[in-house]
Amino acid sequence: MSVNYGSHRTVVGAHYGMRDWLSQRVTAVIMALFTVLVLGQLILSKGPIGYELWAGIFSPQWMKSLTFVVIASLLYHVWVGMRNIFMDYVKPYAIRFVMHVFAIVWLTACAGGAIQALWRL
């Protein structure tokens, strides 16, 4: 974003563009690799796909830790995307602020539910 002040142009804004772009790509790669890993375990498994198989896949500590990283990546990926949509398309500050707060509360609740489900296995 730029603003003209008389004879010169001043660039304003937080310059989040490159950081947001990179974080979206990195978190997407993390989620994609995790998906390939889980699908590979499902394809190579013997027997029916049921609770026992899912519990077996997610019960090792390394898998719980990796899944936690993926959950955090997913939540950050969603937050960056939603924040950018709100900033680009919701112009009244008060409405944008309420939407930001709602998104943060919702994502925090989702994180709590996902982690609770993960650590119950």
C-alpha atoms as a PDB file:
ATOM      1  CA  MET A   1       0.000   0.000   0.000  1.00  0.00           C
ATOM      2  CA  SER A   2       1.331   3.448  -0.777  1.00  0.00           C
ATOM      3  CA  VAL A   3       0.244   6.954   0.058  1.00  0.00           C
ATOM      4  CA  ASN A   4       1.105  10.082  -1.922  1.00  0.00           C
ATOM      5  CA  TYR A   5       2.291  13.010   0.177  1.00  0.00           C
ATOM      6  CA  GLY A   6       2.917  15.888  -2.161  1.00  0.00           C
ATOM      7  CA  SER A   7       5.782  15.141  -4.502  1.00  0.00           C
ATOM      8  CA  HIS A   8       6.979  11.835  -3.017  1.00  0.00           C
ATOM      9  CA  ARG A   9       5.432   8.463  -2.401  1.00  0.00           C
ATOM     10  CA  THR A  10       5.623   6.855   1.034  1.00  0.00           C
ATOM     11  CA  VAL A  11       5.142   3.123   1.418  1.00  0.00           C
ATOM     12  CA  VAL A  12       3.064   2.227   4.464  1.00  0.00           C
ATOM     13  CA  GLY A  13       1.870  -1.039   5.974  1.00  0.00           C
ATOM     14  CA  ALA A  14       3.301  -3.827   8.036  1.00  0.00           C
ATOM     15  CA  HIS A  15       4.938  -5.647   5.099  1.00  0.00           C
ATOM     16  CA  TYR A  16       3.572  -9.030   6.130  1.00  0.00           C
ATOM     17  CA  GLY A  17       3.337 -10.215   2.541  1.00  0.00           C
ATOM     18  CA  MET A  18       6.486 -12.328   2.233  1.00  0.00           C
ATOM     19  CA  ARG A  19       6.276 -13.702   5.771  1.00  0.00           C
ATOM     20  CA  ASP A  20       2.622 -14.675   5.290  1.00  0.00           C
ATOM     21  CA  TRP A  21       3.312 -16.200   1.882  1.00  0.00           C
ATOM     22  CA  LEU A  22       6.225 -18.233   3.263  1.00  0.00           C
ATOM     23  CA  SER A  23       4.351 -19.364   6.372  1.00  0.00           C
ATOM     24  CA  GLN A  24       1.420 -20.518   4.236  1.00  0.00           C
ATOM     25  CA  ARG A  25       3.768 -22.569   2.044  1.00  0.00           C
ATOM     26  CA  VAL A  26       5.753 -24.078   4.929  1.00  0.00           C
ATOM     27  CA  THR A  27       2.646 -25.068   6.885  1.00  0.00           C
ATOM     28  CA  ALA A  28       1.069 -26.510   3.718  1.00  0.00           C
ATOM     29  CA  VAL A  29       4.156 -28.652   3.077  1.00  0.00           C
ATOM     30  CA  ILE A  30       4.118 -29.903   6.688  1.00  0.00           C
ATOM     31  CA  MET A  31       0.444 -30.857   6.389  1.00  0.00           C
ATOM     32  CA  ALA A  32       0.950 -32.498   2.981  1.00  0.00           C
ATOM     33  CA  LEU A  33       3.884 -34.608   4.199  1.00  0.00           C
ATOM     34  CA  PHE A  34       1.906 -35.667   7.275  1.00  0.00           C
ATOM     35  CA  THR A  35      -1.024 -36.672   5.051  1.00  0.00           C
ATOM     36  CA  VAL A  36       1.274 -38.792   2.877  1.00  0.00           C
ATOM     37  CA  LEU A  37       2.723 -40.429   6.014  1.00  0.00           C
ATOM     38  CA  VAL A  38      -0.711 -41.319   7.423  1.00  0.00           C
ATOM     39  CA  LEU A  39      -1.998 -42.532   4.040  1.00  0.00           C
ATOM     40  CA  GLY A  40       1.126 -44.663   3.665  1.00  0.00           C
ATOM     41  CA  GLN A  41       0.518 -46.256   7.045  1.00  0.00           C
ATOM     42  CA  LEU A  42      -3.099 -46.948   6.094  1.00  0.00           C
ATOM     43  CA  ILE A  43      -2.181 -48.441   2.731  1.00  0.00           C
ATOM     44  CA  LEU A  44       0.529 -50.660   4.226  1.00  0.00           C
ATOM     45  CA  SER A  45      -1.638 -51.821   7.119  1.00  0.00           C
ATOM     46  CA  LYS A  46      -3.121 -55.270   7.214  1.00  0.00           C
ATOM     47  CA  GLY A  47      -6.722 -55.804   8.171  1.00  0.00           C
ATOM     48  CA  PRO A  48      -9.723 -53.524   8.313  1.00  0.00           C
ATOM     49  CA  ILE A  49      -9.481 -49.804   8.950  1.00  0.00           C
ATOM     50  CA  GLY A  50     -11.081 -49.222  12.326  1.00  0.00           C
ATOM     51  CA  TYR A  51     -10.475 -47.697  15.715  1.00  0.00           C
ATOM     52  CA  GLU A  52      -7.698 -50.143  16.579  1.00  0.00           C
ATOM     53  CA  LEU A  53      -5.715 -49.201  13.464  1.00  0.00           C
ATOM     54  CA  TRP A  54      -6.180 -45.463  14.025  1.00  0.00           C
ATOM     55  CA  ALA A  55      -5.244 -45.795  17.694  1.00  0.00           C
ATOM     56  CA  GLY A  56      -2.196 -47.832  16.695  1.00  0.00           C
ATOM     57  CA  ILE A  57      -1.056 -45.210  14.209  1.00  0.00           C
ATOM     58  CA  PHE A  58      -1.364 -42.320  16.661  1.00  0.00           C
ATOM     59  CA  SER A  59      -0.282 -44.047  19.897  1.00  0.00           C
ATOM     60  CA  PRO A  60       3.540 -43.778  19.599  1.00  0.00           C
ATOM     61  CA  GLN A  61       4.977 -40.675  21.249  1.00  0.00           C
ATOM     62  CA  TRP A  62       6.768 -39.562  18.066  1.00  0.00           C
ATOM     63  CA  MET A  63       3.479 -39.658  16.150  1.00  0.00           C
ATOM     64  CA  LYS A  64       1.674 -37.700  18.871  1.00  0.00           C
ATOM     65  CA  SER A  65       4.429 -35.080  18.762  1.00  0.00           C
ATOM     66  CA  LEU A  66       4.358 -34.911  14.971  1.00  0.00           C
ATOM     67  CA  THR A  67       0.566 -34.654  15.012  1.00  0.00           C
ATOM     68  CA  PHE A  68       0.820 -31.791  17.514  1.00  0.00           C
ATOM     69  CA  VAL A  69       3.158 -29.965  15.116  1.00  0.00           C
ATOM     70  CA  VAL A  70       0.678 -30.548  12.285  1.00  0.00           C
ATOM     71  CA  ILE A  71      -2.224 -29.267  14.412  1.00  0.00           C
ATOM     72  CA  ALA A  72      -0.229 -26.134  15.249  1.00  0.00           C
ATOM     73  CA  SER A  73       0.660 -25.729  11.560  1.00  0.00           C
ATOM     74  CA  LEU A  74      -2.964 -26.104  10.530  1.00  0.00           C
ATOM     75  CA  LEU A  75      -4.151 -23.555  13.085  1.00  0.00           C
ATOM     76  CA  TYR A  76      -1.485 -21.029  12.066  1.00  0.00           C
ATOM     77  CA  HIS A  77      -2.237 -21.653   8.378  1.00  0.00           C
ATOM     78  CA  VAL A  78      -5.932 -20.979   8.979  1.00  0.00           C
ATOM     79  CA  TRP A  79      -5.219 -17.914  11.123  1.00  0.00           C
ATOM     80  CA  VAL A  80      -2.993 -16.281   8.506  1.00  0.00           C
ATOM     81  CA  GLY A  81      -5.534 -16.934   5.775  1.00  0.00           C
ATOM     82  CA  MET A  82      -8.522 -15.684   7.770  1.00  0.00           C
ATOM     83  CA  ARG A  83      -6.652 -12.636   9.063  1.00  0.00           C
ATOM     84  CA  ASN A  84      -5.674 -11.665   5.531  1.00  0.00           C
ATOM     85  CA  ILE A  85      -9.223 -12.118   4.261  1.00  0.00           C
ATOM     86  CA  PHE A  86     -10.579  -9.986   7.107  1.00  0.00           C
ATOM     87  CA  MET A  87      -7.957  -7.280   6.526  1.00  0.00           C
ATOM     88  CA  ASP A  88      -8.590  -7.210   2.773  1.00  0.00           C
ATOM     89  CA  TYR A  89     -12.372  -7.381   2.672  1.00  0.00           C
ATOM     90  CA  VAL A  90     -13.782  -6.149   6.006  1.00  0.00           C
ATOM     91  CA  LYS A  91     -13.218  -2.405   6.111  1.00  0.00           C
ATOM     92  CA  PRO A  92     -15.058  -1.269   9.299  1.00  0.00           C
ATOM     93  CA  TYR A  93     -12.508  -1.708  12.081  1.00  0.00           C
ATOM     94  CA  ALA A  94     -15.027  -2.719  14.767  1.00  0.00           C
ATOM     95  CA  ILE A  95     -16.456  -5.555  12.659  1.00  0.00           C
ATOM     96  CA  ARG A  96     -12.979  -6.705  11.646  1.00  0.00           C
ATOM     97  CA  PHE A  97     -11.895  -6.681  15.302  1.00  0.00           C
ATOM     98  CA  VAL A  98     -14.888  -8.813  16.345  1.00  0.00           C
ATOM     99  CA  MET A  99     -14.174 -11.243  13.515  1.00  0.00           C
ATOM    100  CA  HIS A 100     -10.518 -11.496  14.573  1.00  0.00           C
ATOM    101  CA  VAL A 101     -11.499 -12.191  18.175  1.00  0.00           C
ATOM    102  CA  PHE A 102     -14.080 -14.782  17.103  1.00  0.00           C
ATOM    103  CA  ALA A 103     -11.525 -16.513  14.854  1.00  0.00           C
ATOM    104  CA  ILE A 104      -8.945 -16.619  17.672  1.00  0.00           C
ATOM    105  CA  VAL A 105     -11.462 -18.028  20.157  1.00  0.00           C
ATOM    106  CA  TRP A 106     -12.725 -20.585  17.636  1.00  0.00           C
ATOM    107  CA  LEU A 107      -9.221 -21.711  16.643  1.00  0.00           C
ATOM    108  CA  THR A 108      -8.208 -21.991  20.306  1.00  0.00           C
ATOM    109  CA  ALA A 109     -11.251 -24.190  20.975  1.00  0.00           C
ATOM    110  CA  CYS A 110     -10.408 -26.314  17.935  1.00  0.00           C
ATOM    111  CA  ALA A 111      -6.836 -26.703  19.183  1.00  0.00           C
ATOM    112  CA  GLY A 112      -8.073 -27.794  22.594  1.00  0.00           C
ATOM    113  CA  GLY A 113     -10.417 -30.356  21.092  1.00  0.00           C
ATOM    114  CA  ALA A 114      -7.799 -31.728  18.706  1.00  0.00           C
ATOM    115  CA  ILE A 115      -5.146 -32.047  21.388  1.00  0.00           C
ATOM    116  CA  GLN A 116      -7.596 -33.633  23.816  1.00  0.00           C
ATOM    117  CA  ALA A 117      -8.601 -36.204  21.188  1.00  0.00           C
ATOM    118  CA  LEU A 118      -4.972 -36.877  20.297  1.00  0.00           C
ATOM    119  CA  TRP A 119      -3.784 -37.446  23.855  1.00  0.00           C
ATOM    120  CA  ARG A 120      -6.762 -39.703  24.675  1.00  0.00           C
ATOM    121  CA  LEU A 121      -5.406 -42.372  22.335  1.00  0.00           C
END
